[in-house]
Structures are given as structure tokens and as C-alpha cells.
Protein backbone atom coordinates (compact mmCIF):
# COMPACT_ATOMS: atom_id res chain seq x y z
CA UNK A 1 9.83 -23.78 -21.39
CA UNK A 2 8.60 -27.11 -22.71
CA UNK A 3 9.90 -29.77 -25.10
CA UNK A 4 8.21 -32.33 -26.94
CA UNK A 5 9.30 -36.06 -26.48
CA UNK A 6 8.20 -39.25 -28.05
CA UNK A 7 7.08 -40.57 -24.61
CA UNK A 8 3.92 -39.84 -22.47
CA UNK A 9 3.35 -36.43 -20.96
CA UNK A 10 6.03 -35.55 -18.39
CA UNK A 11 5.96 -32.79 -16.00
CA UNK A 12 9.41 -32.27 -14.30
CA UNK A 13 9.29 -30.61 -10.85
CA UNK A 14 12.55 -29.33 -9.99
CA UNK A 15 13.67 -28.69 -6.31
CA UNK A 16 17.08 -26.94 -5.98
CA UNK A 17 18.61 -27.09 -2.43
CA UNK A 18 21.71 -25.38 -3.90
CA UNK A 19 23.75 -27.36 -1.50
CA UNK A 20 22.48 -25.28 1.50
CA UNK A 21 22.88 -26.87 4.94
CA UNK A 22 19.44 -25.66 6.24
CA UNK A 23 17.76 -27.95 3.59
CA UNK A 24 19.68 -31.19 4.42
CA UNK A 25 17.22 -32.26 7.06
CA UNK A 26 14.43 -32.14 4.58
CA UNK A 27 16.21 -33.92 1.59
CA UNK A 28 15.61 -37.55 2.75
CA UNK A 29 11.70 -36.61 2.67
CA UNK A 30 11.84 -35.10 -0.98
CA UNK A 31 14.24 -38.24 -2.11
CA UNK A 32 11.40 -40.53 -1.27
CA UNK A 33 9.30 -38.95 -3.97
CA UNK A 34 12.06 -38.43 -6.53
CA UNK A 35 12.61 -40.26 -9.61
CA UNK A 36 16.05 -38.63 -10.57
CA UNK A 37 18.65 -36.76 -8.53
CA UNK A 38 20.65 -33.83 -10.27
CA UNK A 39 24.09 -33.29 -8.56
CA UNK A 40 25.82 -30.32 -9.91
CA UNK A 41 29.45 -29.02 -9.44
CA UNK A 42 31.01 -25.90 -10.73
CA UNK A 43 33.99 -26.86 -13.18
CA UNK A 44 35.89 -23.87 -12.22
CA UNK A 45 35.92 -24.87 -8.38
CA UNK A 46 37.64 -27.89 -7.32
CA UNK A 47 36.11 -27.72 -3.79
CA UNK A 48 32.62 -27.97 -5.44
CA UNK A 49 33.70 -31.16 -7.29
CA UNK A 50 35.31 -32.91 -4.06
CA UNK A 51 32.22 -31.92 -2.19
CA UNK A 52 30.22 -33.90 -4.86
CA UNK A 53 32.47 -36.72 -4.85
CA UNK A 54 32.94 -36.92 -1.15
CA UNK A 55 29.59 -36.14 0.35
CA UNK A 56 26.73 -35.61 -2.19
CA UNK A 57 26.95 -38.81 -4.32
CA UNK A 58 27.00 -41.19 -0.95
CA UNK A 59 23.94 -39.02 0.39
CA UNK A 60 22.05 -39.73 -2.81
CA UNK A 61 23.06 -43.52 -2.72
CA UNK A 62 22.15 -43.81 1.00
CA UNK A 63 18.80 -41.96 0.79
CA UNK A 64 17.51 -42.51 -2.93
CA UNK A 65 15.09 -45.37 -3.50
CA UNK A 66 16.13 -48.03 -5.82
CA UNK A 67 16.00 -47.37 -9.52
CA UNK A 68 16.78 -43.57 -8.81
CA UNK A 69 18.16 -41.97 -12.07
CA UNK A 70 21.26 -39.86 -11.06
CA UNK A 71 22.83 -37.32 -13.30
CA UNK A 72 26.09 -35.62 -12.46
CA UNK A 73 26.39 -32.09 -13.90
CA UNK A 74 29.37 -29.82 -14.56
CA UNK A 75 28.20 -26.62 -14.79
CA UNK A 76 29.94 -23.31 -16.25
CA UNK A 77 31.25 -25.23 -19.38
CA UNK A 78 31.52 -21.71 -20.81
CA UNK A 79 34.71 -20.89 -18.69
CA UNK A 80 38.00 -20.80 -20.45
CA UNK A 81 40.34 -23.92 -20.03
CA UNK A 82 42.95 -21.81 -17.69
CA UNK A 83 39.98 -21.32 -15.35
CA UNK A 84 38.83 -24.92 -15.16
CA UNK A 85 39.70 -26.76 -12.02
CA UNK A 86 37.96 -29.93 -13.34
CA UNK A 87 38.38 -31.24 -16.78
CA UNK A 88 35.49 -32.99 -18.67
CA UNK A 89 37.05 -36.38 -18.66
CA UNK A 90 37.46 -36.27 -14.84
CA UNK A 91 33.65 -35.50 -14.35
CA UNK A 92 32.77 -38.13 -16.92
CA UNK A 93 34.76 -40.69 -15.11
CA UNK A 94 33.20 -40.28 -11.83
CA UNK A 95 29.76 -40.43 -13.51
CA UNK A 96 30.89 -43.74 -14.99
CA UNK A 97 32.09 -45.19 -11.84
CA UNK A 98 28.80 -44.43 -10.29
CA UNK A 99 26.51 -45.54 -13.11
CA UNK A 100 25.38 -42.16 -13.81
CA UNK A 101 24.52 -39.70 -16.70
CA UNK A 102 26.93 -36.93 -17.31
CA UNK A 103 26.69 -33.59 -19.03
CA UNK A 104 28.28 -30.26 -18.86
CA UNK A 105 26.18 -27.17 -18.75
CA UNK A 106 26.32 -23.30 -18.84
CA UNK A 107 23.34 -22.05 -16.68
CA UNK A 108 24.67 -18.44 -17.38
CA UNK A 109 24.51 -18.87 -21.24
CA UNK A 110 21.52 -21.65 -20.99
CA UNK A 111 23.83 -24.06 -22.72
CA UNK A 112 22.70 -27.83 -22.69
CA UNK A 113 20.33 -27.14 -19.92
CA UNK A 114 17.51 -28.46 -21.88
CA UNK A 115 19.47 -31.42 -23.01
CA UNK A 116 19.96 -32.25 -19.22
CA UNK A 117 16.36 -32.26 -18.37
CA UNK A 118 15.41 -34.17 -21.54
CA UNK A 119 18.06 -36.78 -20.97
CA UNK A 120 17.16 -37.36 -17.55
CA UNK A 121 13.60 -37.48 -18.35
CA UNK A 122 14.18 -40.23 -21.01
CA UNK A 123 16.41 -42.13 -18.67
CA UNK A 124 13.56 -42.24 -15.85
CA UNK A 125 11.05 -43.40 -18.70
CA UNK A 126 13.60 -46.22 -19.58
CA UNK A 127 14.23 -47.37 -16.32
CA UNK A 128 13.12 -50.60 -14.74
CA UNK A 129 11.04 -48.75 -11.81
CA UNK A 130 7.77 -48.20 -13.46
CA UNK A 131 6.14 -44.71 -13.70
CA UNK A 132 3.12 -44.09 -11.54
CA UNK A 133 0.40 -43.86 -13.94
CA UNK A 134 -2.35 -43.85 -11.63
CA UNK A 135 -3.26 -40.42 -12.74
CA UNK A 136 -3.03 -41.12 -16.54
CA UNK A 137 -5.14 -39.15 -18.62
CA UNK A 138 -4.20 -41.58 -21.69
CA UNK A 139 -1.99 -40.83 -24.66
CA UNK A 140 -1.22 -37.12 -25.29
CA UNK A 141 1.44 -34.95 -26.73
CA UNK A 142 4.44 -35.34 -24.41
CA UNK A 143 5.92 -32.42 -22.83
CA UNK A 144 8.96 -31.72 -20.42
CA UNK A 145 8.25 -28.38 -18.57
CA UNK A 146 11.54 -27.09 -17.38
CA UNK A 147 11.75 -24.87 -14.39
CA UNK A 148 15.03 -23.31 -13.86
CA UNK A 149 16.70 -21.50 -10.74
CA UNK A 150 20.18 -20.15 -10.42
CA UNK A 151 22.35 -20.53 -7.40
CA UNK A 152 24.86 -18.19 -6.23
CA UNK A 153 26.56 -20.88 -4.00
CA UNK A 154 29.55 -22.35 -5.59
CA UNK A 155 29.91 -25.75 -3.57
CA UNK A 156 28.21 -28.69 -4.71
CA UNK A 157 24.59 -28.52 -5.36
CA UNK A 158 21.88 -30.98 -5.22
CA UNK A 159 18.41 -31.18 -7.04
CA UNK A 160 15.81 -33.53 -7.44
CA UNK A 161 13.53 -34.16 -10.40
CA UNK A 162 10.11 -35.38 -9.52
CA UNK A 163 8.39 -36.43 -12.78
CA UNK A 164 4.50 -36.63 -12.92
CA UNK A 165 3.41 -38.90 -15.76
CA UNK A 166 0.04 -38.44 -17.35
């Protein structure tokens, strides 16, 4: 899937670890190349939110390079209010306190997933850390390519967005 922006051509490579223990040793290596970290929790699972708050955000802060754009995502926004364990304001407050973008999505119904990646790409392009344009092909129609994968794990997830600017 692709979306046109008013910026340079941007290809987003999404690496999803789904919070799995076996990938934690590799994460610092991938973090060095990442321009954006996407940290996801399940709005219907308090443990998932607590894992993000008590582990993943500190991990990102310790491994990420200066200027790393961070996005906090509350997934499963489609669940009913009675099934919610984390309300929207709580997620938004945590994001504000850590200077992060915040969005709620529904991967199941593909709600606001595109918005997430488009907002992340725009934030990276506007960030003080300049994009690597060494492979620049000159001004072209800007496109963000989205690669989605779904995770069955319901604890905090972690993904990185590597952007290639052309």
C-alpha cells in the first residue's frame, strides 16, 4: 500500500519484534539504523500498557539515537468501552510526558494504521536530524510504502521504522 505526501520519496521498512524475548538482543543493532520507534500496547490489556510504560519506553530511550522519533500506539481501538483496560487519555498523557506522537488504531479493522505511518514519516521529515539523502534520485512523487504484519502476542510490542529517502 502506498500514500502520496508532499515530501521526498520515502520508503518505510517496518521491523516488528512483537515484544518477543528472542529478538531483544538484536534490537540495539536495529535501533542504530532506525529513524522512528513505534511502541504498541493493547488497550484491552493493562499488562501490555504497563510493559510499555515500565520497560519498552526506557529501552527505546537508552538504545535510540538522538532525534529518534517515537510513536506510542494504543491498538484495538475497536473494542467496547467495557473491555478497555486503558483509556485514550491515559495513553495520550504517557505520550505527552515522553514527547511522543500518540495514536489509537485497530489493526483488525485497519483503522488509522495508515495515519500512524504517515504521521511518523512526516515527523521524521520535520525532525532536526537530517535525512540521509546520499542515495537521492532527485525530486520525485513522494510515496510511503506500508508493510503491515500482525502479532498474536498481547504484551507490549515494539517496532522500528527505517526510512529510506530518495
